[in-house]
Amino acid sequence: MLESIRKGDFLETAEYSGNMYGTSKRVVKAIQEQGKVCLLEIDTQGVRQVKQMTDFNPLYVFVKPPSMDDLEERLRARGTETEESLQTRLAAARHEIEYGEQPGNFDTVIVNDDFPRAYKQLRTAVMPLFADLMSDK
């Protein structure tokens, strides 16, 4: 994977828990060539990397929790985190939210406090992409 990263084969890459992850440019282009919208779920580090690419024109949507307290409550309710991993995730989330709230970093910011409303906002944001695809055919 490191050689592919050096060759610029990825839109974005990240290391998480000792593992490397990335989004292949070739795969994204193949999806677009099929007349489909490619959705990526990436962190703000990935967003920063994608913003450096000039051959892609993505729509950036940031979905955030209503508050850090709500996020902590949701994570604790899952029962999947140790206290240490929970604190690590919350610290990372603070940085993500800080970046996500800065004007110009995202085209749309959605607060996930009410799922039906958040879904409607997301749908409203992405539907023009599908309309553009239909008009190209």
C-alpha atoms as a PDB file:
ATOM      1  CA  MET A   1       0.000   0.000   0.000  1.00  0.00           C
ATOM      2  CA  LEU A   2       2.859   2.395   0.744  1.00  0.00           C
ATOM      3  CA  GLU A   3       4.066   2.170  -2.865  1.00  0.00           C
ATOM      4  CA  SER A   4       0.533   2.936  -4.116  1.00  0.00           C
ATOM      5  CA  ILE A   5       0.385   5.932  -1.780  1.00  0.00           C
ATOM      6  CA  ARG A   6       3.715   7.199  -3.128  1.00  0.00           C
ATOM      7  CA  LYS A   7       2.417   6.803  -6.701  1.00  0.00           C
ATOM      8  CA  GLY A   8      -0.657   8.894  -5.857  1.00  0.00           C
ATOM      9  CA  ASP A   9      -3.175   6.098  -6.374  1.00  0.00           C
ATOM     10  CA  PHE A  10      -5.349   7.203  -3.453  1.00  0.00           C
ATOM     11  CA  LEU A  11      -7.708  10.115  -2.923  1.00  0.00           C
ATOM     12  CA  GLU A  12      -7.040   9.912   0.789  1.00  0.00           C
ATOM     13  CA  THR A  13      -5.308   7.648   3.252  1.00  0.00           C
ATOM     14  CA  ALA A  14      -5.286   7.295   7.005  1.00  0.00           C
ATOM     15  CA  GLU A  15      -3.758   5.131   9.664  1.00  0.00           C
ATOM     16  CA  TYR A  16      -6.123   3.917  12.353  1.00  0.00           C
ATOM     17  CA  SER A  17      -5.239   1.486  15.140  1.00  0.00           C
ATOM     18  CA  GLY A  18      -2.045   0.509  13.342  1.00  0.00           C
ATOM     19  CA  ASN A  19      -3.788  -0.260  10.037  1.00  0.00           C
ATOM     20  CA  MET A  20      -3.650   1.738   6.803  1.00  0.00           C
ATOM     21  CA  TYR A  21      -6.870   2.662   5.016  1.00  0.00           C
ATOM     22  CA  GLY A  22      -7.441   4.563   1.813  1.00  0.00           C
ATOM     23  CA  THR A  23      -9.821   5.456  -0.994  1.00  0.00           C
ATOM     24  CA  SER A  24      -8.655   4.400  -4.442  1.00  0.00           C
ATOM     25  CA  LYS A  25      -8.847   7.070  -7.161  1.00  0.00           C
ATOM     26  CA  ARG A  26      -9.345   4.326  -9.753  1.00  0.00           C
ATOM     27  CA  VAL A  27     -12.370   2.889  -7.951  1.00  0.00           C
ATOM     28  CA  VAL A  28     -13.996   6.311  -7.475  1.00  0.00           C
ATOM     29  CA  LYS A  29     -13.472   7.160 -11.160  1.00  0.00           C
ATOM     30  CA  ALA A  30     -14.899   3.776 -12.209  1.00  0.00           C
ATOM     31  CA  ILE A  31     -18.044   4.454 -10.170  1.00  0.00           C
ATOM     32  CA  GLN A  32     -18.399   7.911 -11.709  1.00  0.00           C
ATOM     33  CA  GLU A  33     -17.903   6.488 -15.223  1.00  0.00           C
ATOM     34  CA  GLN A  34     -20.862   4.178 -14.557  1.00  0.00           C
ATOM     35  CA  GLY A  35     -23.007   7.282 -14.050  1.00  0.00           C
ATOM     36  CA  LYS A  36     -23.256   6.769 -10.311  1.00  0.00           C
ATOM     37  CA  VAL A  37     -22.665   9.024  -7.323  1.00  0.00           C
ATOM     38  CA  CYS A  38     -19.800   7.816  -5.147  1.00  0.00           C
ATOM     39  CA  LEU A  39     -20.314   8.482  -1.438  1.00  0.00           C
ATOM     40  CA  LEU A  40     -17.331   8.423   0.905  1.00  0.00           C
ATOM     41  CA  GLU A  41     -17.450   8.354   4.679  1.00  0.00           C
ATOM     42  CA  ILE A  42     -14.105   9.864   5.639  1.00  0.00           C
ATOM     43  CA  ASP A  43     -12.711  11.820   8.553  1.00  0.00           C
ATOM     44  CA  THR A  44     -11.556  15.421   8.371  1.00  0.00           C
ATOM     45  CA  GLN A  45      -7.992  14.281   7.670  1.00  0.00           C
ATOM     46  CA  GLY A  46      -9.353  12.606   4.537  1.00  0.00           C
ATOM     47  CA  VAL A  47     -11.348  15.710   3.639  1.00  0.00           C
ATOM     48  CA  ARG A  48      -8.185  17.804   3.790  1.00  0.00           C
ATOM     49  CA  GLN A  49      -6.466  15.362   1.433  1.00  0.00           C
ATOM     50  CA  VAL A  50      -9.361  15.224  -1.039  1.00  0.00           C
ATOM     51  CA  LYS A  51      -9.489  19.025  -1.115  1.00  0.00           C
ATOM     52  CA  GLN A  52      -5.931  18.934  -2.520  1.00  0.00           C
ATOM     53  CA  MET A  53      -7.126  16.964  -5.564  1.00  0.00           C
ATOM     54  CA  THR A  54      -8.020  19.013  -8.616  1.00  0.00           C
ATOM     55  CA  ASP A  55      -9.639  16.288 -10.723  1.00  0.00           C
ATOM     56  CA  PHE A  56     -12.568  15.688  -8.363  1.00  0.00           C
ATOM     57  CA  ASN A  57     -15.429  18.024  -7.514  1.00  0.00           C
ATOM     58  CA  PRO A  58     -17.031  16.558  -4.388  1.00  0.00           C
ATOM     59  CA  LEU A  59     -19.842  17.788  -2.204  1.00  0.00           C
ATOM     60  CA  TYR A  60     -18.623  17.946   1.394  1.00  0.00           C
ATOM     61  CA  VAL A  61     -21.211  17.140   4.085  1.00  0.00           C
ATOM     62  CA  PHE A  62     -20.354  17.140   7.792  1.00  0.00           C
ATOM     63  CA  VAL A  63     -22.691  15.289  10.161  1.00  0.00           C
ATOM     64  CA  LYS A  64     -22.112  16.203  13.786  1.00  0.00           C
ATOM     65  CA  PRO A  65     -23.659  15.322  17.136  1.00  0.00           C
ATOM     66  CA  PRO A  66     -25.840  17.895  18.910  1.00  0.00           C
ATOM     67  CA  SER A  67     -23.181  18.260  21.621  1.00  0.00           C
ATOM     68  CA  MET A  68     -20.137  16.535  23.048  1.00  0.00           C
ATOM     69  CA  ASP A  69     -22.273  15.411  25.995  1.00  0.00           C
ATOM     70  CA  ASP A  70     -24.724  13.743  23.597  1.00  0.00           C
ATOM     71  CA  LEU A  71     -21.877  12.061  21.736  1.00  0.00           C
ATOM     72  CA  GLU A  72     -20.382  10.761  24.977  1.00  0.00           C
ATOM     73  CA  GLU A  73     -23.785   9.468  26.077  1.00  0.00           C
ATOM     74  CA  ARG A  74     -24.278   7.676  22.738  1.00  0.00           C
ATOM     75  CA  LEU A  75     -20.832   6.087  22.866  1.00  0.00           C
ATOM     76  CA  ARG A  76     -21.292   4.956  26.465  1.00  0.00           C
ATOM     77  CA  ALA A  77     -24.711   3.481  25.634  1.00  0.00           C
ATOM     78  CA  ARG A  78     -23.111   1.227  23.018  1.00  0.00           C
ATOM     79  CA  GLY A  79     -21.048  -0.435  25.717  1.00  0.00           C
ATOM     80  CA  THR A  80     -18.213  -1.148  23.267  1.00  0.00           C
ATOM     81  CA  GLU A  81     -15.562   1.258  24.551  1.00  0.00           C
ATOM     82  CA  THR A  82     -13.109   1.098  27.401  1.00  0.00           C
ATOM     83  CA  GLU A  83     -12.784   4.340  29.340  1.00  0.00           C
ATOM     84  CA  GLU A  84      -9.437   4.960  27.651  1.00  0.00           C
ATOM     85  CA  SER A  85     -10.752   4.327  24.130  1.00  0.00           C
ATOM     86  CA  LEU A  86     -13.809   6.460  24.886  1.00  0.00           C
ATOM     87  CA  GLN A  87     -11.640   9.403  25.924  1.00  0.00           C
ATOM     88  CA  THR A  88      -9.490   8.936  22.812  1.00  0.00           C
ATOM     89  CA  ARG A  89     -12.573   8.969  20.574  1.00  0.00           C
ATOM     90  CA  LEU A  90     -13.986  12.038  22.310  1.00  0.00           C
ATOM     91  CA  ALA A  91     -10.703  13.919  21.914  1.00  0.00           C
ATOM     92  CA  ALA A  92     -10.638  13.036  18.211  1.00  0.00           C
ATOM     93  CA  ALA A  93     -14.289  14.074  17.872  1.00  0.00           C
ATOM     94  CA  ARG A  94     -13.537  17.495  19.355  1.00  0.00           C
ATOM     95  CA  HIS A  95     -10.963  18.102  16.620  1.00  0.00           C
ATOM     96  CA  GLU A  96     -13.299  16.777  13.923  1.00  0.00           C
ATOM     97  CA  ILE A  97     -16.153  19.014  15.091  1.00  0.00           C
ATOM     98  CA  GLU A  98     -13.887  22.045  15.354  1.00  0.00           C
ATOM     99  CA  TYR A  99     -12.785  21.554  11.738  1.00  0.00           C
ATOM    100  CA  GLY A 100     -16.321  20.729  10.609  1.00  0.00           C
ATOM    101  CA  GLU A 101     -17.726  23.940  12.041  1.00  0.00           C
ATOM    102  CA  GLN A 102     -15.178  26.219  10.357  1.00  0.00           C
ATOM    103  CA  PRO A 103     -16.836  28.113   7.497  1.00  0.00           C
ATOM    104  CA  GLY A 104     -15.787  26.893   4.079  1.00  0.00           C
ATOM    105  CA  ASN A 105     -14.610  23.436   5.102  1.00  0.00           C
ATOM    106  CA  PHE A 106     -17.938  21.776   4.242  1.00  0.00           C
ATOM    107  CA  ASP A 107     -20.761  22.616   1.861  1.00  0.00           C
ATOM    108  CA  THR A 108     -23.377  21.467   4.364  1.00  0.00           C
ATOM    109  CA  VAL A 109     -23.286  20.843   8.118  1.00  0.00           C
ATOM    110  CA  ILE A 110     -26.010  18.627   9.567  1.00  0.00           C
ATOM    111  CA  VAL A 111     -26.707  18.233  13.281  1.00  0.00           C
ATOM    112  CA  ASN A 112     -27.729  14.641  13.979  1.00  0.00           C
ATOM    113  CA  ASP A 113     -30.163  15.377  16.801  1.00  0.00           C
ATOM    114  CA  ASP A 114     -33.286  14.057  15.086  1.00  0.00           C
ATOM    115  CA  PHE A 115     -32.761  11.246  12.584  1.00  0.00           C
ATOM    116  CA  PRO A 116     -35.708  11.981  10.244  1.00  0.00           C
ATOM    117  CA  ARG A 117     -34.747  15.656  10.058  1.00  0.00           C
ATOM    118  CA  ALA A 118     -31.028  14.881   9.588  1.00  0.00           C
ATOM    119  CA  TYR A 119     -31.896  12.396   6.831  1.00  0.00           C
ATOM    120  CA  LYS A 120     -34.075  14.972   5.093  1.00  0.00           C
ATOM    121  CA  GLN A 121     -31.254  17.533   5.235  1.00  0.00           C
ATOM    122  CA  LEU A 122     -28.786  15.003   3.843  1.00  0.00           C
ATOM    123  CA  ARG A 123     -31.188  14.009   1.084  1.00  0.00           C
ATOM    124  CA  THR A 124     -31.756  17.670   0.175  1.00  0.00           C
ATOM    125  CA  ALA A 125     -27.991  18.214  -0.005  1.00  0.00           C
ATOM    126  CA  VAL A 126     -27.196  15.215  -2.224  1.00  0.00           C
ATOM    127  CA  MET A 127     -30.237  15.013  -4.517  1.00  0.00           C
ATOM    128  CA  PRO A 128     -28.897  17.672  -6.911  1.00  0.00           C
ATOM    129  CA  LEU A 129     -25.979  15.310  -7.621  1.00  0.00           C
ATOM    130  CA  PHE A 130     -28.425  12.688  -8.845  1.00  0.00           C
ATOM    131  CA  ALA A 131     -30.352  15.258 -10.877  1.00  0.00           C
ATOM    132  CA  ASP A 132     -27.089  16.290 -12.551  1.00  0.00           C
ATOM    133  CA  LEU A 133     -26.414  12.656 -13.445  1.00  0.00           C
ATOM    134  CA  MET A 134     -29.859  12.271 -14.964  1.00  0.00           C
ATOM    135  CA  SER A 135     -29.468  15.415 -17.073  1.00  0.00           C
ATOM    136  CA  ASP A 136     -26.143  14.120 -18.455  1.00  0.00           C
ATOM    137  CA  LYS A 137     -27.799  11.010 -19.929  1.00  0.00           C
END
